[in-house]
Protein backbone atom coordinates (compact mmCIF):
# COMPACT_ATOMS: atom_id res chain seq x y z
CA MET A 1 -0.02 0.01 0.04
CA ALA A 2 1.39 3.35 -1.03
CA GLU A 3 1.40 6.15 1.32
CA GLU A 4 0.85 9.72 0.41
CA GLN A 5 3.25 12.20 1.56
CA SER A 6 2.02 15.59 2.44
CA ASP A 7 3.84 18.74 1.54
CA PRO A 8 5.05 20.26 4.77
CA SER A 9 5.16 23.62 3.36
CA PRO A 10 2.17 25.86 3.61
CA GLU A 11 -0.07 26.45 0.57
CA GLY A 12 1.42 28.95 -1.98
CA THR A 13 4.93 28.78 -0.80
CA VAL A 14 7.89 27.34 -2.81
CA PRO A 15 10.01 24.72 -1.03
CA ARG A 16 13.58 25.85 -0.86
CA LEU A 17 15.96 23.70 -2.71
CA THR A 18 18.92 22.24 -0.92
CA PHE A 19 21.35 23.11 -3.61
CA PHE A 20 20.12 26.66 -3.71
CA ARG A 21 20.71 26.95 0.10
CA ILE A 22 24.19 25.67 -0.20
CA LEU A 23 24.83 28.20 -3.00
CA CYS A 24 23.48 31.02 -0.81
CA ILE A 25 25.47 29.95 2.33
CA ALA A 26 28.77 29.62 0.36
CA THR A 27 28.03 33.23 -1.07
CA PHE A 28 27.24 34.49 2.45
CA ILE A 29 30.51 33.16 3.69
CA TRP A 30 32.71 34.22 0.72
CA SER A 31 31.13 37.77 0.21
CA GLY A 32 30.83 38.37 3.93
CA LEU A 33 34.42 37.49 4.76
CA GLY A 34 35.77 39.09 1.52
CA SER A 35 33.91 42.32 2.03
CA PHE A 36 35.03 42.54 5.57
CA SER A 37 38.75 41.96 4.86
CA TYR A 38 38.94 44.13 1.73
CA PHE A 39 37.27 46.97 3.72
CA VAL A 40 39.90 46.55 6.43
CA PHE A 41 42.71 46.44 4.13
CA GLY A 42 41.46 49.51 2.20
CA ILE A 43 41.02 51.56 5.33
CA PHE A 44 44.21 50.41 7.09
CA ASN A 45 46.37 49.93 4.06
CA ASP A 46 49.32 51.97 5.24
CA SER A 47 49.59 50.53 8.66
CA LEU A 48 48.96 46.91 7.65
CA GLY A 49 51.92 46.63 5.19
CA PRO A 50 54.71 46.35 7.80
CA ALA A 51 52.70 44.07 9.96
CA ILE A 52 51.99 41.61 6.98
CA LYS A 53 55.65 41.81 5.99
CA ALA A 54 56.78 40.95 9.59
CA SER A 55 54.25 38.03 9.98
CA PRO A 56 55.91 34.60 10.27
CA PHE A 57 52.91 33.23 8.32
CA MET A 58 53.65 35.19 5.04
CA MET A 59 54.02 32.45 2.42
CA GLU A 60 54.14 34.29 -0.99
CA PRO A 61 56.01 37.57 -0.64
CA GLU A 62 55.64 38.48 -4.24
CA ILE A 63 51.97 38.56 -4.00
CA VAL A 64 52.16 40.49 -0.84
CA GLU A 65 54.46 43.03 -2.35
CA MET A 66 52.18 43.45 -5.38
CA LEU A 67 49.08 43.94 -3.05
CA LEU A 68 50.93 46.47 -0.97
CA LYS A 69 51.63 48.62 -4.12
CA VAL A 70 48.03 48.69 -5.19
CA ASN A 71 45.93 51.88 -4.62
CA ARG A 72 43.73 51.60 -1.54
CA TRP A 73 40.73 52.32 -3.85
CA PHE A 74 41.09 48.83 -5.35
CA PHE A 75 40.28 47.35 -1.87
CA ILE A 76 37.48 49.69 -1.14
CA PHE A 77 35.81 48.95 -4.60
CA GLN A 78 36.27 45.22 -4.04
CA ALA A 79 34.55 45.59 -0.55
CA ILE A 80 31.69 47.56 -2.10
CA PHE A 81 31.06 45.10 -4.77
CA LEU A 82 31.51 42.03 -2.46
CA SER A 83 28.90 43.74 -0.05
CA LEU A 84 26.49 44.20 -2.91
CA SER A 85 27.03 40.59 -3.89
CA LEU A 86 26.16 39.55 -0.24
CA PHE A 87 23.05 41.76 -0.36
CA GLY A 88 22.11 40.14 -3.62
CA ALA A 89 22.43 36.75 -2.08
CA ILE A 90 20.39 37.63 0.91
CA GLN A 91 17.63 39.01 -1.50
CA MET A 92 17.81 35.63 -3.41
CA TRP A 93 17.57 33.71 -0.17
CA ASN A 94 14.31 35.61 0.28
CA LEU A 95 13.34 34.57 -3.27
CA ARG A 96 13.70 37.96 -4.81
CA LYS A 97 14.79 38.20 -8.53
CA PHE A 98 16.28 41.62 -7.90
CA GLY A 99 18.94 39.84 -5.77
CA PHE A 100 20.02 37.70 -8.81
CA HIS A 101 20.47 40.76 -10.93
CA LEU A 102 22.46 42.59 -8.25
CA TYR A 103 24.55 39.56 -7.64
CA ALA A 104 25.37 39.03 -11.30
CA ILE A 105 26.31 42.65 -11.88
CA SER A 106 28.48 42.63 -8.70
CA GLN A 107 30.34 39.49 -9.93
CA ILE A 108 31.00 41.13 -13.22
CA MET A 109 32.37 44.22 -11.65
CA LEU A 110 34.43 42.13 -9.36
CA LEU A 111 36.14 40.77 -12.44
CA ILE A 112 36.64 44.25 -13.97
CA VAL A 113 38.01 46.07 -10.92
CA PRO A 114 41.34 44.01 -10.80
CA MET A 115 42.02 44.69 -14.51
CA LEU A 116 41.70 48.48 -13.71
CA PHE A 117 44.07 48.57 -10.77
CA ILE A 118 46.52 45.72 -11.13
CA ARG A 119 48.76 45.46 -14.07
CA GLY A 120 48.96 41.96 -15.53
CA SER A 121 46.30 40.52 -13.16
CA GLY A 122 46.25 37.07 -14.99
CA GLU A 123 43.96 35.29 -12.50
CA THR A 124 40.75 36.65 -14.30
CA LEU A 125 39.93 33.33 -16.06
CA PRO A 126 39.66 31.20 -12.99
CA GLN A 127 37.68 33.82 -11.22
CA ALA A 128 35.47 34.33 -14.24
CA MET A 129 34.80 30.58 -14.39
CA VAL A 130 33.72 30.37 -10.73
CA SER A 131 31.59 33.41 -11.03
CA GLY A 132 29.96 32.04 -14.13
CA ILE A 133 29.27 28.82 -12.48
CA PHE A 134 27.63 30.55 -9.54
CA ILE A 135 25.61 32.85 -11.79
CA PHE A 136 24.44 29.97 -13.97
CA ALA A 137 23.50 27.89 -10.85
CA TYR A 138 21.61 30.88 -9.32
CA ALA A 139 19.95 31.56 -12.80
CA SER A 140 18.59 27.86 -12.78
CA ASN A 141 16.66 28.85 -9.61
CA LEU A 142 15.10 32.02 -11.04
CA ARG A 143 11.74 30.24 -11.50
CA TYR A 144 11.36 30.13 -7.82
CA MET A 145 11.94 33.76 -7.35
CA HIS A 146 9.48 36.65 -7.85
């Protein structure tokens, strides 16, 4: 005898997909930590340089030297676009399509900003691939958003 399973969600609501939740949580973590760290580095750029150079945990001095030479506005713009990305993910968590558009635009801007501030920023392709995968994954859930 087959038992009927009742839908535990109230009438008129859309059940949240597990994969969608994982995407949102990953974005909350990545964008939240990124926006905080870029903001801190942008504000305290001058005073953090010597502390980072003196750190026993510094593994790649070439990258650190390059980042210390970058204009502080790079870090501030990155923090702004990561914050907008986080806000977009929060909107998508609440099933609002506006959040998807905000997230997608922020991700595109996060790819453009390094090209404007860092000469020879060659890591754009891997970042573009990850951003593209996330944008595509979020886009596949647009039908649940309003």
